[in-house]
């Protein structure tokens, strides 16, 4: 489930979700997504529904962004204590091997 951002953005997100379900990626087969996702279609709900899980999910992107900006010396302030705790938890979730971390993107 995702929080609605608007017509075009919602459509692009749903299309991306469907593509993962049907085609997978260069690194993961479609079956891997199909076994992990609970639905063939992404559900998009408006923000005013105030869904608890989506509110919690809102806590993750900003600290993740700041971590990556900080690693590339683009952050002009220290990372906040709460954000540091989130980053610490997330860092254990990345796929890691041979001294490399996979899944972080700097765009």
PDB file of N, CA and C in Angstrom:
ATOM      1  N   UNK A   1       0.842  -1.167   0.000  1.00  0.00           N
ATOM      2  CA  UNK A   1       0.000   0.000   0.000  1.00  0.00           C
ATOM      3  C   UNK A   1       0.890   1.234   0.000  1.00  0.00           C
ATOM      4  N   UNK A   2       0.443   2.264  -0.706  1.00  0.00           N
ATOM      5  CA  UNK A   2       1.191   3.512  -0.778  1.00  0.00           C
ATOM      6  C   UNK A   2       0.226   4.682  -0.559  1.00  0.00           C
ATOM      7  N   UNK A   3       0.811   5.818  -0.212  1.00  0.00           N
ATOM      8  CA  UNK A   3       0.030   7.027  -0.012  1.00  0.00           C
ATOM      9  C   UNK A   3      -0.051   7.782  -1.326  1.00  0.00           C
ATOM     10  N   UNK A   4      -1.223   8.236  -1.668  1.00  0.00           N
ATOM     11  CA  UNK A   4      -1.447   8.939  -2.925  1.00  0.00           C
ATOM     12  C   UNK A   4      -0.663  10.244  -2.980  1.00  0.00           C
ATOM     13  N   UNK A   5      -0.128  10.534  -4.150  1.00  0.00           N
ATOM     14  CA  UNK A   5       0.589  11.794  -4.399  1.00  0.00           C
ATOM     15  C   UNK A   5      -0.079  12.588  -5.512  1.00  0.00           C
ATOM     16  N   UNK A   6      -0.981  11.984  -6.241  1.00  0.00           N
ATOM     17  CA  UNK A   6      -1.650  12.656  -7.355  1.00  0.00           C
ATOM     18  C   UNK A   6      -1.796  11.705  -8.524  1.00  0.00           C
ATOM     19  N   UNK A   7      -2.618  12.083  -9.491  1.00  0.00           N
ATOM     20  CA  UNK A   7      -2.974  11.206 -10.607  1.00  0.00           C
ATOM     21  C   UNK A   7      -1.797  10.609 -11.353  1.00  0.00           C
ATOM     22  N   UNK A   8      -0.930  11.466 -11.925  1.00  0.00           N
ATOM     23  CA  UNK A   8       0.186  10.983 -12.739  1.00  0.00           C
ATOM     24  C   UNK A   8       1.191  10.204 -11.897  1.00  0.00           C
ATOM     25  N   UNK A   9       1.513  10.716 -10.703  1.00  0.00           N
ATOM     26  CA  UNK A   9       2.475  10.042  -9.831  1.00  0.00           C
ATOM     27  C   UNK A   9       1.951   8.685  -9.380  1.00  0.00           C
ATOM     28  N   UNK A  10       0.670   8.627  -9.034  1.00  0.00           N
ATOM     29  CA  UNK A  10       0.068   7.354  -8.613  1.00  0.00           C
ATOM     30  C   UNK A  10       0.112   6.337  -9.745  1.00  0.00           C
ATOM     31  N   UNK A  11      -0.188   6.760 -10.959  1.00  0.00           N
ATOM     32  CA  UNK A  11      -0.181   5.867 -12.111  1.00  0.00           C
ATOM     33  C   UNK A  11       1.228   5.328 -12.354  1.00  0.00           C
ATOM     34  N   UNK A  12       2.240   6.197 -12.273  1.00  0.00           N
ATOM     35  CA  UNK A  12       3.629   5.763 -12.486  1.00  0.00           C
ATOM     36  C   UNK A  12       4.049   4.756 -11.424  1.00  0.00           C
ATOM     37  N   UNK A  13       3.662   5.003 -10.171  1.00  0.00           N
ATOM     38  CA  UNK A  13       4.003   4.079  -9.096  1.00  0.00           C
ATOM     39  C   UNK A  13       3.325   2.727  -9.298  1.00  0.00           C
ATOM     40  N   UNK A  14       2.052   2.744  -9.657  1.00  0.00           N
ATOM     41  CA  UNK A  14       1.332   1.490  -9.913  1.00  0.00           C
ATOM     42  C   UNK A  14       1.944   0.731 -11.089  1.00  0.00           C
ATOM     43  N   UNK A  15       2.322   1.465 -12.139  1.00  0.00           N
ATOM     44  CA  UNK A  15       2.951   0.818 -13.300  1.00  0.00           C
ATOM     45  C   UNK A  15       4.289   0.175 -12.914  1.00  0.00           C
ATOM     46  N   UNK A  16       5.067   0.861 -12.091  1.00  0.00           N
ATOM     47  CA  UNK A  16       6.354   0.309 -11.642  1.00  0.00           C
ATOM     48  C   UNK A  16       6.139  -0.950 -10.809  1.00  0.00           C
ATOM     49  N   UNK A  17       5.159  -0.906  -9.928  1.00  0.00           N
ATOM     50  CA  UNK A  17       4.830  -2.061  -9.097  1.00  0.00           C
ATOM     51  C   UNK A  17       4.442  -3.252  -9.988  1.00  0.00           C
ATOM     52  N   UNK A  18       3.576  -2.999 -10.959  1.00  0.00           N
ATOM     53  CA  UNK A  18       3.126  -4.065 -11.866  1.00  0.00           C
ATOM     54  C   UNK A  18       4.300  -4.636 -12.650  1.00  0.00           C
ATOM     55  N   UNK A  19       5.207  -3.772 -13.085  1.00  0.00           N
ATOM     56  CA  UNK A  19       6.386  -4.232 -13.823  1.00  0.00           C
ATOM     57  C   UNK A  19       7.252  -5.152 -12.956  1.00  0.00           C
ATOM     58  N   UNK A  20       7.438  -4.790 -11.680  1.00  0.00           N
ATOM     59  CA  UNK A  20       8.186  -5.664 -10.774  1.00  0.00           C
ATOM     60  C   UNK A  20       7.493  -7.009 -10.623  1.00  0.00           C
ATOM     61  N   UNK A  21       6.188  -6.988 -10.468  1.00  0.00           N
ATOM     62  CA  UNK A  21       5.394  -8.209 -10.282  1.00  0.00           C
ATOM     63  C   UNK A  21       5.520  -9.123 -11.506  1.00  0.00           C
ATOM     64  N   UNK A  22       5.437  -8.515 -12.687  1.00  0.00           N
ATOM     65  CA  UNK A  22       5.407  -9.306 -13.919  1.00  0.00           C
ATOM     66  C   UNK A  22       6.797  -9.649 -14.471  1.00  0.00           C
ATOM     67  N   UNK A  23       7.768  -8.731 -14.312  1.00  0.00           N
ATOM     68  CA  UNK A  23       9.053  -8.911 -14.973  1.00  0.00           C
ATOM     69  C   UNK A  23      10.246  -9.068 -14.022  1.00  0.00           C
ATOM     70  N   UNK A  24      10.079  -8.663 -12.759  1.00  0.00           N
ATOM     71  CA  UNK A  24      11.204  -8.680 -11.832  1.00  0.00           C
ATOM     72  C   UNK A  24      12.216  -7.609 -12.216  1.00  0.00           C
ATOM     73  N   UNK A  25      13.471  -7.816 -11.842  1.00  0.00           N
ATOM     74  CA  UNK A  25      14.549  -6.898 -12.200  1.00  0.00           C
ATOM     75  C   UNK A  25      15.712  -7.715 -12.733  1.00  0.00           C
ATOM     76  N   UNK A  26      16.800  -7.047 -13.049  1.00  0.00           N
ATOM     77  CA  UNK A  26      17.999  -7.769 -13.485  1.00  0.00           C
ATOM     78  C   UNK A  26      18.556  -8.640 -12.357  1.00  0.00           C
ATOM     79  N   UNK A  27      18.185  -8.309 -11.116  1.00  0.00           N
ATOM     80  CA  UNK A  27      18.749  -9.001  -9.957  1.00  0.00           C
ATOM     81  C   UNK A  27      17.773  -9.944  -9.256  1.00  0.00           C
ATOM     82  N   UNK A  28      16.474  -9.707  -9.424  1.00  0.00           N
ATOM     83  CA  UNK A  28      15.468 -10.534  -8.744  1.00  0.00           C
ATOM     84  C   UNK A  28      14.395 -10.979  -9.724  1.00  0.00           C
ATOM     85  N   UNK A  29      14.032 -12.237  -9.647  1.00  0.00           N
ATOM     86  CA  UNK A  29      13.018 -12.790 -10.543  1.00  0.00           C
ATOM     87  C   UNK A  29      11.625 -12.301 -10.160  1.00  0.00           C
ATOM     88  N   UNK A  30      10.675 -12.351 -11.109  1.00  0.00           N
ATOM     89  CA  UNK A  30       9.301 -11.968 -10.771  1.00  0.00           C
ATOM     90  C   UNK A  30       8.738 -12.834  -9.644  1.00  0.00           C
ATOM     91  N   UNK A  31       9.128 -14.099  -9.598  1.00  0.00           N
ATOM     92  CA  UNK A  31       8.624 -14.996  -8.553  1.00  0.00           C
ATOM     93  C   UNK A  31       9.036 -14.515  -7.158  1.00  0.00           C
ATOM     94  N   UNK A  32      10.197 -13.928  -7.080  1.00  0.00           N
ATOM     95  CA  UNK A  32      10.653 -13.406  -5.780  1.00  0.00           C
ATOM     96  C   UNK A  32       9.722 -12.299  -5.288  1.00  0.00           C
ATOM     97  N   UNK A  33       9.334 -11.413  -6.204  1.00  0.00           N
ATOM     98  CA  UNK A  33       8.387 -10.356  -5.846  1.00  0.00           C
ATOM     99  C   UNK A  33       7.017 -10.946  -5.551  1.00  0.00           C
ATOM    100  N   UNK A  34       6.584 -11.870  -6.361  1.00  0.00           N
ATOM    101  CA  UNK A  34       5.262 -12.474  -6.181  1.00  0.00           C
ATOM    102  C   UNK A  34       5.144 -13.219  -4.857  1.00  0.00           C
ATOM    103  N   UNK A  35       6.253 -13.789  -4.403  1.00  0.00           N
ATOM    104  CA  UNK A  35       6.248 -14.486  -3.118  1.00  0.00           C
ATOM    105  C   UNK A  35       6.332 -13.529  -1.940  1.00  0.00           C
ATOM    106  N   UNK A  36       6.813 -12.315  -2.181  1.00  0.00           N
ATOM    107  CA  UNK A  36       6.980 -11.333  -1.103  1.00  0.00           C
ATOM    108  C   UNK A  36       5.813 -10.353  -0.998  1.00  0.00           C
ATOM    109  N   UNK A  37       5.302  -9.909  -2.137  1.00  0.00           N
ATOM    110  CA  UNK A  37       4.192  -8.954  -2.135  1.00  0.00           C
ATOM    111  C   UNK A  37       2.898  -9.687  -1.822  1.00  0.00           C
ATOM    112  N   UNK A  38       1.993  -9.014  -1.159  1.00  0.00           N
ATOM    113  CA  UNK A  38       0.731  -9.657  -0.772  1.00  0.00           C
ATOM    114  C   UNK A  38      -0.360  -9.499  -1.819  1.00  0.00           C
ATOM    115  N   UNK A  39      -0.118  -8.692  -2.841  1.00  0.00           N
ATOM    116  CA  UNK A  39      -1.140  -8.444  -3.839  1.00  0.00           C
ATOM    117  C   UNK A  39      -0.507  -8.209  -5.201  1.00  0.00           C
ATOM    118  N   UNK A  40      -1.249  -8.570  -6.239  1.00  0.00           N
ATOM    119  CA  UNK A  40      -0.795  -8.348  -7.606  1.00  0.00           C
ATOM    120  C   UNK A  40      -0.861  -6.866  -7.980  1.00  0.00           C
ATOM    121  N   UNK A  41      -1.733  -6.120  -7.317  1.00  0.00           N
ATOM    122  CA  UNK A  41      -1.899  -4.694  -7.598  1.00  0.00           C
ATOM    123  C   UNK A  41      -1.577  -3.856  -6.366  1.00  0.00           C
ATOM    124  N   UNK A  42      -0.923  -2.730  -6.598  1.00  0.00           N
ATOM    125  CA  UNK A  42      -0.612  -1.800  -5.524  1.00  0.00           C
ATOM    126  C   UNK A  42      -1.864  -1.017  -5.151  1.00  0.00           C
ATOM    127  N   UNK A  43      -2.135  -0.955  -3.873  1.00  0.00           N
ATOM    128  CA  UNK A  43      -3.254  -0.154  -3.377  1.00  0.00           C
ATOM    129  C   UNK A  43      -2.716   1.227  -3.006  1.00  0.00           C
ATOM    130  N   UNK A  44      -3.389   2.274  -3.458  1.00  0.00           N
ATOM    131  CA  UNK A  44      -2.987   3.648  -3.179  1.00  0.00           C
ATOM    132  C   UNK A  44      -4.133   4.319  -2.426  1.00  0.00           C
ATOM    133  N   UNK A  45      -3.814   4.845  -1.249  1.00  0.00           N
ATOM    134  CA  UNK A  45      -4.829   5.467  -0.393  1.00  0.00           C
ATOM    135  C   UNK A  45      -4.507   6.944  -0.187  1.00  0.00           C
ATOM    136  N   UNK A  46      -5.540   7.782  -0.095  1.00  0.00           N
ATOM    137  CA  UNK A  46      -5.299   9.209   0.143  1.00  0.00           C
ATOM    138  C   UNK A  46      -4.739   9.477   1.539  1.00  0.00           C
ATOM    139  N   UNK A  47      -3.965  10.551   1.661  1.00  0.00           N
ATOM    140  CA  UNK A  47      -3.322  10.905   2.922  1.00  0.00           C
ATOM    141  C   UNK A  47      -4.354  11.115   4.035  1.00  0.00           C
ATOM    142  N   UNK A  48      -5.509  11.685   3.701  1.00  0.00           N
ATOM    143  CA  UNK A  48      -6.514  11.973   4.733  1.00  0.00           C
ATOM    144  C   UNK A  48      -7.069  10.721   5.392  1.00  0.00           C
ATOM    145  N   UNK A  49      -6.805   9.539   4.841  1.00  0.00           N
ATOM    146  CA  UNK A  49      -7.226   8.292   5.501  1.00  0.00           C
ATOM    147  C   UNK A  49      -6.402   8.027   6.755  1.00  0.00           C
ATOM    148  N   UNK A  50      -5.223   8.673   6.844  1.00  0.00           N
ATOM    149  CA  UNK A  50      -4.385   8.612   8.041  1.00  0.00           C
ATOM    150  C   UNK A  50      -4.114   7.171   8.490  1.00  0.00           C
ATOM    151  N   UNK A  51      -3.606   6.360   7.597  1.00  0.00           N
ATOM    152  CA  UNK A  51      -3.337   4.943   7.861  1.00  0.00           C
ATOM    153  C   UNK A  51      -2.031   4.808   8.648  1.00  0.00           C
ATOM    154  N   UNK A  52      -2.089   4.138   9.779  1.00  0.00           N
ATOM    155  CA  UNK A  52      -0.950   4.053  10.711  1.00  0.00           C
ATOM    156  C   UNK A  52       0.336   3.572  10.047  1.00  0.00           C
ATOM    157  N   UNK A  53       0.261   2.486   9.312  1.00  0.00           N
ATOM    158  CA  UNK A  53       1.462   1.937   8.675  1.00  0.00           C
ATOM    159  C   UNK A  53       2.094   2.912   7.701  1.00  0.00           C
ATOM    160  N   UNK A  54       1.270   3.664   6.992  1.00  0.00           N
ATOM    161  CA  UNK A  54       1.807   4.648   6.049  1.00  0.00           C
ATOM    162  C   UNK A  54       2.419   5.829   6.791  1.00  0.00           C
ATOM    163  N   UNK A  55       1.866   6.178   7.941  1.00  0.00           N
ATOM    164  CA  UNK A  55       2.450   7.254   8.748  1.00  0.00           C
ATOM    165  C   UNK A  55       3.825   6.849   9.256  1.00  0.00           C
ATOM    166  N   UNK A  56       3.957   5.598   9.682  1.00  0.00           N
ATOM    167  CA  UNK A  56       5.264   5.101  10.140  1.00  0.00           C
ATOM    168  C   UNK A  56       6.247   5.071   8.969  1.00  0.00           C
ATOM    169  N   UNK A  57       5.771   4.657   7.799  1.00  0.00           N
ATOM    170  CA  UNK A  57       6.633   4.602   6.622  1.00  0.00           C
ATOM    171  C   UNK A  57       7.151   5.992   6.241  1.00  0.00           C
ATOM    172  N   UNK A  58       6.409   7.034   6.566  1.00  0.00           N
ATOM    173  CA  UNK A  58       6.863   8.405   6.294  1.00  0.00           C
ATOM    174  C   UNK A  58       8.118   8.760   7.074  1.00  0.00           C
ATOM    175  N   UNK A  59       8.417   8.036   8.139  1.00  0.00           N
ATOM    176  CA  UNK A  59       9.596   8.334   8.957  1.00  0.00           C
ATOM    177  C   UNK A  59      10.906   7.895   8.298  1.00  0.00           C
ATOM    178  N   UNK A  60      10.850   7.011   7.317  1.00  0.00           N
ATOM    179  CA  UNK A  60      12.061   6.411   6.761  1.00  0.00           C
ATOM    180  C   UNK A  60      12.762   7.208   5.658  1.00  0.00           C
ATOM    181  N   UNK A  61      12.063   7.783   4.713  1.00  0.00           N
ATOM    182  CA  UNK A  61      12.761   8.394   3.571  1.00  0.00           C
ATOM    183  C   UNK A  61      13.698   9.550   3.923  1.00  0.00           C
ATOM    184  N   UNK A  62      13.287  10.442   4.799  1.00  0.00           N
ATOM    185  CA  UNK A  62      14.102  11.618   5.096  1.00  0.00           C
ATOM    186  C   UNK A  62      15.448  11.245   5.743  1.00  0.00           C
ATOM    187  N   UNK A  63      15.465  10.402   6.772  1.00  0.00           N
ATOM    188  CA  UNK A  63      16.767   9.986   7.310  1.00  0.00           C
ATOM    189  C   UNK A  63      17.625   9.247   6.283  1.00  0.00           C
ATOM    190  N   UNK A  64      16.996   8.435   5.434  1.00  0.00           N
ATOM    191  CA  UNK A  64      17.748   7.711   4.402  1.00  0.00           C
ATOM    192  C   UNK A  64      18.400   8.691   3.437  1.00  0.00           C
ATOM    193  N   UNK A  65      17.627   9.683   3.026  1.00  0.00           N
ATOM    194  CA  UNK A  65      18.139  10.710   2.124  1.00  0.00           C
ATOM    195  C   UNK A  65      19.320  11.445   2.770  1.00  0.00           C
ATOM    196  N   UNK A  66      19.141  11.840   4.024  1.00  0.00           N
ATOM    197  CA  UNK A  66      20.202  12.578   4.708  1.00  0.00           C
ATOM    198  C   UNK A  66      21.462  11.746   4.886  1.00  0.00           C
ATOM    199  N   UNK A  67      21.295  10.450   5.115  1.00  0.00           N
ATOM    200  CA  UNK A  67      22.462   9.577   5.248  1.00  0.00           C
ATOM    201  C   UNK A  67      23.284   9.583   3.962  1.00  0.00           C
ATOM    202  N   UNK A  68      22.616   9.432   2.842  1.00  0.00           N
ATOM    203  CA  UNK A  68      23.313   9.391   1.555  1.00  0.00           C
ATOM    204  C   UNK A  68      23.922  10.757   1.225  1.00  0.00           C
ATOM    205  N   UNK A  69      23.172  11.844   1.478  1.00  0.00           N
ATOM    206  CA  UNK A  69      23.732  13.181   1.255  1.00  0.00           C
ATOM    207  C   UNK A  69      24.966  13.405   2.127  1.00  0.00           C
ATOM    208  N   UNK A  70      24.908  12.959   3.362  1.00  0.00           N
ATOM    209  CA  UNK A  70      26.032  13.102   4.284  1.00  0.00           C
ATOM    210  C   UNK A  70      27.257  12.316   3.797  1.00  0.00           C
ATOM    211  N   UNK A  71      27.037  11.106   3.296  1.00  0.00           N
ATOM    212  CA  UNK A  71      28.136  10.284   2.783  1.00  0.00           C
ATOM    213  C   UNK A  71      28.845  10.946   1.609  1.00  0.00           C
ATOM    214  N   UNK A  72      28.112  11.785   0.854  1.00  0.00           N
ATOM    215  CA  UNK A  72      28.682  12.461  -0.312  1.00  0.00           C
ATOM    216  C   UNK A  72      29.001  13.935  -0.021  1.00  0.00           C
ATOM    217  N   UNK A  73      29.037  14.290   1.262  1.00  0.00           N
ATOM    218  CA  UNK A  73      29.367  15.650   1.709  1.00  0.00           C
ATOM    219  C   UNK A  73      28.445  16.725   1.137  1.00  0.00           C
ATOM    220  N   UNK A  74      27.158  16.398   1.011  1.00  0.00           N
ATOM    221  CA  UNK A  74      26.176  17.373   0.536  1.00  0.00           C
ATOM    222  C   UNK A  74      25.227  17.834   1.641  1.00  0.00           C
ATOM    223  N   UNK A  75      25.402  17.341   2.835  1.00  0.00           N
ATOM    224  CA  UNK A  75      24.523  17.727   3.943  1.00  0.00           C
ATOM    225  C   UNK A  75      25.221  18.818   4.744  1.00  0.00           C
ATOM    226  N   UNK A  76      24.527  19.931   4.938  1.00  0.00           N
ATOM    227  CA  UNK A  76      25.154  21.094   5.579  1.00  0.00           C
ATOM    228  C   UNK A  76      24.869  21.191   7.075  1.00  0.00           C
ATOM    229  N   UNK A  77      24.359  20.127   7.666  1.00  0.00           N
ATOM    230  CA  UNK A  77      24.089  20.118   9.110  1.00  0.00           C
ATOM    231  C   UNK A  77      24.261  18.686   9.614  1.00  0.00           C
ATOM    232  N   UNK A  78      24.475  18.533  10.903  1.00  0.00           N
ATOM    233  CA  UNK A  78      24.603  17.167  11.433  1.00  0.00           C
ATOM    234  C   UNK A  78      23.274  16.407  11.356  1.00  0.00           C
ATOM    235  N   UNK A  79      23.373  15.112  11.275  1.00  0.00           N
ATOM    236  CA  UNK A  79      22.169  14.275  11.267  1.00  0.00           C
ATOM    237  C   UNK A  79      21.573  14.288  12.668  1.00  0.00           C
ATOM    238  N   UNK A  80      20.267  14.501  12.735  1.00  0.00           N
ATOM    239  CA  UNK A  80      19.560  14.578  14.020  1.00  0.00           C
ATOM    240  C   UNK A  80      19.620  13.240  14.753  1.00  0.00           C
ATOM    241  N   UNK A  81      19.540  13.265  16.091  1.00  0.00           N
ATOM    242  CA  UNK A  81      19.633  12.019  16.871  1.00  0.00           C
ATOM    243  C   UNK A  81      18.593  10.962  16.477  1.00  0.00           C
ATOM    244  N   UNK A  82      17.340  11.374  16.291  1.00  0.00           N
ATOM    245  CA  UNK A  82      16.314  10.390  15.910  1.00  0.00           C
ATOM    246  C   UNK A  82      16.624   9.803  14.534  1.00  0.00           C
ATOM    247  N   UNK A  83      17.052  10.654  13.599  1.00  0.00           N
ATOM    248  CA  UNK A  83      17.404  10.188  12.262  1.00  0.00           C
ATOM    249  C   UNK A  83      18.574   9.201  12.337  1.00  0.00           C
ATOM    250  N   UNK A  84      19.518   9.455  13.217  1.00  0.00           N
ATOM    251  CA  UNK A  84      20.659   8.535  13.384  1.00  0.00           C
ATOM    252  C   UNK A  84      20.192   7.156  13.830  1.00  0.00           C
ATOM    253  N   UNK A  85      19.188   7.132  14.699  1.00  0.00           N
ATOM    254  CA  UNK A  85      18.648   5.840  15.148  1.00  0.00           C
ATOM    255  C   UNK A  85      17.989   5.096  13.984  1.00  0.00           C
ATOM    256  N   UNK A  86      17.230   5.835  13.163  1.00  0.00           N
ATOM    257  CA  UNK A  86      16.582   5.222  11.991  1.00  0.00           C
ATOM    258  C   UNK A  86      17.649   4.690  11.033  1.00  0.00           C
ATOM    259  N   UNK A  87      18.669   5.489  10.764  1.00  0.00           N
ATOM    260  CA  UNK A  87      19.751   5.100   9.862  1.00  0.00           C
ATOM    261  C   UNK A  87      20.451   3.845  10.379  1.00  0.00           C
ATOM    262  N   UNK A  88      20.673   3.771  11.665  1.00  0.00           N
ATOM    263  CA  UNK A  88      21.316   2.611  12.276  1.00  0.00           C
ATOM    264  C   UNK A  88      20.494   1.348  12.052  1.00  0.00           C
ATOM    265  N   UNK A  89      19.196   1.457  12.212  1.00  0.00           N
ATOM    266  CA  UNK A  89      18.309   0.309  11.986  1.00  0.00           C
ATOM    267  C   UNK A  89      18.315  -0.086  10.517  1.00  0.00           C
ATOM    268  N   UNK A  90      18.190   0.911   9.633  1.00  0.00           N
ATOM    269  CA  UNK A  90      18.136   0.622   8.198  1.00  0.00           C
ATOM    270  C   UNK A  90      19.437   0.027   7.679  1.00  0.00           C
ATOM    271  N   UNK A  91      20.554   0.464   8.225  1.00  0.00           N
ATOM    272  CA  UNK A  91      21.852  -0.006   7.721  1.00  0.00           C
ATOM    273  C   UNK A  91      21.998  -1.519   7.864  1.00  0.00           C
ATOM    274  N   UNK A  92      21.311  -2.098   8.818  1.00  0.00           N
ATOM    275  CA  UNK A  92      21.371  -3.548   9.006  1.00  0.00           C
ATOM    276  C   UNK A  92      20.504  -4.297   7.998  1.00  0.00           C
ATOM    277  N   UNK A  93      19.640  -3.553   7.284  1.00  0.00           N
ATOM    278  CA  UNK A  93      18.714  -4.173   6.341  1.00  0.00           C
ATOM    279  C   UNK A  93      19.263  -4.242   4.925  1.00  0.00           C
ATOM    280  N   UNK A  94      20.315  -3.453   4.632  1.00  0.00           N
ATOM    281  CA  UNK A  94      20.886  -3.468   3.290  1.00  0.00           C
ATOM    282  C   UNK A  94      21.584  -4.791   3.030  1.00  0.00           C
ATOM    283  N   UNK A  95      21.519  -5.237   1.786  1.00  0.00           N
ATOM    284  CA  UNK A  95      22.259  -6.433   1.382  1.00  0.00           C
ATOM    285  C   UNK A  95      23.733  -6.069   1.338  1.00  0.00           C
ATOM    286  N   UNK A  96      24.558  -6.803   2.075  1.00  0.00           N
ATOM    287  CA  UNK A  96      25.978  -6.477   2.172  1.00  0.00           C
ATOM    288  C   UNK A  96      26.815  -7.719   1.914  1.00  0.00           C
ATOM    289  N   UNK A  97      27.940  -7.502   1.291  1.00  0.00           N
ATOM    290  CA  UNK A  97      28.860  -8.606   1.046  1.00  0.00           C
ATOM    291  C   UNK A  97      30.184  -8.103   0.516  1.00  0.00           C
ATOM    292  N   UNK A  98      31.262  -8.715   0.945  1.00  0.00           N
ATOM    293  CA  UNK A  98      32.611  -8.377   0.500  1.00  0.00           C
ATOM    294  C   UNK A  98      32.916  -6.889   0.677  1.00  0.00           C
ATOM    295  N   UNK A  99      32.460  -6.325   1.780  1.00  0.00           N
ATOM    296  CA  UNK A  99      32.742  -4.924   2.069  1.00  0.00           C
ATOM    297  C   UNK A  99      31.908  -3.929   1.284  1.00  0.00           C
ATOM    298  N   UNK A 100      30.923  -4.401   0.535  1.00  0.00           N
ATOM    299  CA  UNK A 100      30.074  -3.530  -0.279  1.00  0.00           C
ATOM    300  C   UNK A 100      28.656  -3.534   0.277  1.00  0.00           C
ATOM    301  N   UNK A 101      27.950  -2.426   0.078  1.00  0.00           N
ATOM    302  CA  UNK A 101      26.549  -2.304   0.472  1.00  0.00           C
ATOM    303  C   UNK A 101      25.732  -2.136  -0.803  1.00  0.00           C
ATOM    304  N   UNK A 102      24.713  -2.961  -0.975  1.00  0.00           N
ATOM    305  CA  UNK A 102      23.872  -2.901  -2.154  1.00  0.00           C
ATOM    306  C   UNK A 102      22.487  -2.374  -1.753  1.00  0.00           C
ATOM    307  N   UNK A 103      21.907  -1.533  -2.587  1.00  0.00           N
ATOM    308  CA  UNK A 103      20.566  -1.034  -2.320  1.00  0.00           C
ATOM    309  C   UNK A 103      20.522   0.451  -2.071  1.00  0.00           C
ATOM    310  N   UNK A 104      21.640   1.070  -1.757  1.00  0.00           N
ATOM    311  CA  UNK A 104      21.678   2.527  -1.596  1.00  0.00           C
ATOM    312  C   UNK A 104      21.852   3.160  -2.963  1.00  0.00           C
ATOM    313  N   UNK A 105      21.130   4.242  -3.175  1.00  0.00           N
ATOM    314  CA  UNK A 105      21.222   4.945  -4.461  1.00  0.00           C
ATOM    315  C   UNK A 105      21.428   6.432  -4.217  1.00  0.00           C
ATOM    316  N   UNK A 106      22.363   7.012  -4.925  1.00  0.00           N
ATOM    317  CA  UNK A 106      22.568   8.463  -4.920  1.00  0.00           C
ATOM    318  C   UNK A 106      22.193   8.932  -6.316  1.00  0.00           C
ATOM    319  N   UNK A 107      21.052   9.615  -6.413  1.00  0.00           N
ATOM    320  CA  UNK A 107      20.563  10.050  -7.734  1.00  0.00           C
ATOM    321  C   UNK A 107      20.740  11.533  -7.910  1.00  0.00           C
TER     322      UNK A 107
END
